[in-house]
Amino acid sequence: MTWQFSPTCATGACDVIVHVKDRHFSFSMKLARTGAAYTGHTVANLGSCGPRGNSIPDPETMNVKIRVTKAAGQNQEWAATSLAGTMAGTSQYVSSATFYCTASRLKASLAGTPA
């Protein structure tokens, strides 16, 4: 997964917008800053459920918590050089006239450094 963070302000520490991309899906969300921690949630369309040609949308509620674990001075500002956190998602039971998809949950640990 590729995560791209964009600050919501021109200078100083502030909230960020994160754009997450994978080969098969993408989503964006605003992460609110509290100290070195950032939290946010969104509903992402990570795929559909059911047989090909007859699938139905199965949106997933995503919650992300990230904290800056290391930072360094860059261009006279502090910049995160290491992040860690969690991502959790839930999808609801969905059905059509011919099939159904069960509810599900996911939880992942996140860790990374800038590329």
C-alpha atoms as a PDB file:
ATOM      1  CA  MET A   1       0.000   0.000   0.000  1.00  0.00           C
ATOM      2  CA  THR A   2       1.104   3.537  -0.743  1.00  0.00           C
ATOM      3  CA  TRP A   3       0.106   6.275   1.691  1.00  0.00           C
ATOM      4  CA  GLN A   4       0.491   9.927   0.669  1.00  0.00           C
ATOM      5  CA  PHE A   5       0.039  12.567   3.381  1.00  0.00           C
ATOM      6  CA  SER A   6      -0.838  16.189   2.549  1.00  0.00           C
ATOM      7  CA  PRO A   7      -1.064  18.868   5.273  1.00  0.00           C
ATOM      8  CA  THR A   8      -4.266  20.903   5.499  1.00  0.00           C
ATOM      9  CA  CYS A   9      -2.349  24.098   6.411  1.00  0.00           C
ATOM     10  CA  ALA A  10       0.470  26.076   4.794  1.00  0.00           C
ATOM     11  CA  THR A  11       2.832  26.101   7.813  1.00  0.00           C
ATOM     12  CA  GLY A  12       3.214  24.440  11.179  1.00  0.00           C
ATOM     13  CA  ALA A  13       1.781  21.203  12.535  1.00  0.00           C
ATOM     14  CA  CYS A  14      -1.819  20.476  11.506  1.00  0.00           C
ATOM     15  CA  ASP A  15      -4.316  17.884  10.334  1.00  0.00           C
ATOM     16  CA  VAL A  16      -3.512  15.919   7.162  1.00  0.00           C
ATOM     17  CA  ILE A  17      -5.364  14.325   4.284  1.00  0.00           C
ATOM     18  CA  VAL A  18      -4.138  10.810   3.539  1.00  0.00           C
ATOM     19  CA  HIS A  19      -4.585   9.147   0.133  1.00  0.00           C
ATOM     20  CA  VAL A  20      -4.207   5.360   0.282  1.00  0.00           C
ATOM     21  CA  LYS A  21      -3.653   3.314  -2.878  1.00  0.00           C
ATOM     22  CA  ASP A  22      -3.248  -0.351  -3.602  1.00  0.00           C
ATOM     23  CA  ARG A  23      -3.376  -2.302  -6.861  1.00  0.00           C
ATOM     24  CA  HIS A  24      -7.102  -2.919  -6.439  1.00  0.00           C
ATOM     25  CA  PHE A  25      -8.528  -0.014  -4.427  1.00  0.00           C
ATOM     26  CA  SER A  26      -7.992   3.475  -3.076  1.00  0.00           C
ATOM     27  CA  PHE A  27      -9.510   5.777  -0.476  1.00  0.00           C
ATOM     28  CA  SER A  28      -8.852   9.128   1.193  1.00  0.00           C
ATOM     29  CA  MET A  29      -9.589  10.518   4.632  1.00  0.00           C
ATOM     30  CA  LYS A  30      -8.803  13.452   6.878  1.00  0.00           C
ATOM     31  CA  LEU A  31      -6.643  12.625   9.903  1.00  0.00           C
ATOM     32  CA  ALA A  32      -7.096  15.005  12.832  1.00  0.00           C
ATOM     33  CA  ARG A  33      -3.899  15.833  14.737  1.00  0.00           C
ATOM     34  CA  THR A  34      -3.596  15.689  18.521  1.00  0.00           C
ATOM     35  CA  GLY A  35       0.071  16.034  19.495  1.00  0.00           C
ATOM     36  CA  ALA A  36       2.007  13.323  17.669  1.00  0.00           C
ATOM     37  CA  ALA A  37      -1.149  11.257  16.983  1.00  0.00           C
ATOM     38  CA  TYR A  38      -3.521  11.382  14.014  1.00  0.00           C
ATOM     39  CA  THR A  39      -6.969   9.761  13.841  1.00  0.00           C
ATOM     40  CA  GLY A  40      -9.666   9.582  11.210  1.00  0.00           C
ATOM     41  CA  HIS A  41     -12.401   7.512   9.637  1.00  0.00           C
ATOM     42  CA  THR A  42     -14.121   7.164   6.279  1.00  0.00           C
ATOM     43  CA  VAL A  43     -16.387   4.853   4.331  1.00  0.00           C
ATOM     44  CA  ALA A  44     -14.392   3.292   1.499  1.00  0.00           C
ATOM     45  CA  ASN A  45     -15.571   1.282  -1.481  1.00  0.00           C
ATOM     46  CA  LEU A  46     -12.926  -1.427  -1.397  1.00  0.00           C
ATOM     47  CA  GLY A  47     -14.775  -3.799  -3.661  1.00  0.00           C
ATOM     48  CA  SER A  48     -18.034  -5.537  -4.254  1.00  0.00           C
ATOM     49  CA  CYS A  49     -19.609  -8.727  -3.066  1.00  0.00           C
ATOM     50  CA  GLY A  50     -21.153 -11.565  -5.022  1.00  0.00           C
ATOM     51  CA  PRO A  51     -20.701 -13.324  -8.346  1.00  0.00           C
ATOM     52  CA  ARG A  52     -19.189 -11.504 -11.330  1.00  0.00           C
ATOM     53  CA  GLY A  53     -21.739  -9.602 -13.338  1.00  0.00           C
ATOM     54  CA  ASN A  54     -24.200  -9.680 -10.442  1.00  0.00           C
ATOM     55  CA  SER A  55     -22.185  -8.152  -7.585  1.00  0.00           C
ATOM     56  CA  ILE A  56     -23.383  -5.484  -5.175  1.00  0.00           C
ATOM     57  CA  PRO A  57     -21.409  -2.691  -3.464  1.00  0.00           C
ATOM     58  CA  ASP A  58     -20.031  -3.584  -0.033  1.00  0.00           C
ATOM     59  CA  PRO A  59     -18.662  -0.351   1.519  1.00  0.00           C
ATOM     60  CA  GLU A  60     -16.297  -0.645   4.465  1.00  0.00           C
ATOM     61  CA  THR A  61     -16.000   1.764   7.397  1.00  0.00           C
ATOM     62  CA  MET A  62     -12.281   2.396   7.942  1.00  0.00           C
ATOM     63  CA  ASN A  63     -10.723   3.793  11.151  1.00  0.00           C
ATOM     64  CA  VAL A  64      -7.066   4.803  11.240  1.00  0.00           C
ATOM     65  CA  LYS A  65      -4.887   5.763  14.203  1.00  0.00           C
ATOM     66  CA  ILE A  66      -1.294   6.762  13.462  1.00  0.00           C
ATOM     67  CA  ARG A  67       1.420   8.258  15.650  1.00  0.00           C
ATOM     68  CA  VAL A  68       4.707   9.811  14.685  1.00  0.00           C
ATOM     69  CA  THR A  69       7.476   7.665  16.211  1.00  0.00           C
ATOM     70  CA  LYS A  70      10.469   9.608  14.831  1.00  0.00           C
ATOM     71  CA  ALA A  71      10.973  13.042  13.293  1.00  0.00           C
ATOM     72  CA  ALA A  72      13.852  15.095  11.907  1.00  0.00           C
ATOM     73  CA  GLY A  73      14.474  18.660  10.863  1.00  0.00           C
ATOM     74  CA  GLN A  74      13.946  19.259   7.151  1.00  0.00           C
ATOM     75  CA  ASN A  75      14.005  22.748   5.591  1.00  0.00           C
ATOM     76  CA  GLN A  76      13.779  24.357   9.043  1.00  0.00           C
ATOM     77  CA  GLU A  77      10.668  22.320   9.996  1.00  0.00           C
ATOM     78  CA  TRP A  78      10.095  19.018  11.752  1.00  0.00           C
ATOM     79  CA  ALA A  79       9.000  16.189   9.464  1.00  0.00           C
ATOM     80  CA  ALA A  80       7.863  12.684  10.387  1.00  0.00           C
ATOM     81  CA  THR A  81      10.458  10.054   9.488  1.00  0.00           C
ATOM     82  CA  SER A  82       8.688   7.051  11.039  1.00  0.00           C
ATOM     83  CA  LEU A  83       5.017   6.235  11.689  1.00  0.00           C
ATOM     84  CA  ALA A  84       3.171   3.430  13.475  1.00  0.00           C
ATOM     85  CA  GLY A  85      -0.478   2.712  14.132  1.00  0.00           C
ATOM     86  CA  THR A  86      -3.535   0.626  13.348  1.00  0.00           C
ATOM     87  CA  MET A  87      -6.199   0.411  10.679  1.00  0.00           C
ATOM     88  CA  ALA A  88      -9.544  -1.237  11.435  1.00  0.00           C
ATOM     89  CA  GLY A  89     -12.439  -1.814   9.107  1.00  0.00           C
ATOM     90  CA  THR A  90     -15.944  -3.202   9.263  1.00  0.00           C
ATOM     91  CA  SER A  91     -18.394  -4.115   6.536  1.00  0.00           C
ATOM     92  CA  GLN A  92     -22.061  -4.849   7.099  1.00  0.00           C
ATOM     93  CA  TYR A  93     -24.190  -7.780   5.998  1.00  0.00           C
ATOM     94  CA  VAL A  94     -25.508  -7.064   2.485  1.00  0.00           C
ATOM     95  CA  SER A  95     -27.894  -9.089   0.350  1.00  0.00           C
ATOM     96  CA  SER A  96     -29.671  -9.199  -2.978  1.00  0.00           C
ATOM     97  CA  ALA A  97     -32.467 -11.407  -4.257  1.00  0.00           C
ATOM     98  CA  THR A  98     -30.039 -14.237  -5.124  1.00  0.00           C
ATOM     99  CA  PHE A  99     -27.109 -14.072  -2.656  1.00  0.00           C
ATOM    100  CA  TYR A 100     -25.769 -12.431   0.494  1.00  0.00           C
ATOM    101  CA  CYS A 101     -22.422 -11.327   1.883  1.00  0.00           C
ATOM    102  CA  THR A 102     -21.591 -11.721   5.546  1.00  0.00           C
ATOM    103  CA  ALA A 103     -20.430  -8.898   7.799  1.00  0.00           C
ATOM    104  CA  SER A 104     -16.692  -8.748   8.341  1.00  0.00           C
ATOM    105  CA  ARG A 105     -13.984  -7.001  10.338  1.00  0.00           C
ATOM    106  CA  LEU A 106     -10.316  -6.354   9.685  1.00  0.00           C
ATOM    107  CA  LYS A 107      -7.510  -5.015  11.816  1.00  0.00           C
ATOM    108  CA  ALA A 108      -4.007  -4.273  10.591  1.00  0.00           C
ATOM    109  CA  SER A 109      -0.869  -2.881  12.153  1.00  0.00           C
ATOM    110  CA  LEU A 110       0.729  -0.002  10.280  1.00  0.00           C
ATOM    111  CA  ALA A 111       4.384   0.992  10.213  1.00  0.00           C
ATOM    112  CA  GLY A 112       6.333   2.995   7.705  1.00  0.00           C
ATOM    113  CA  THR A 113       8.947   5.505   6.716  1.00  0.00           C
ATOM    114  CA  PRO A 114       8.962   8.004   3.831  1.00  0.00           C
ATOM    115  CA  ALA A 115      10.118   6.620   0.507  1.00  0.00           C
END
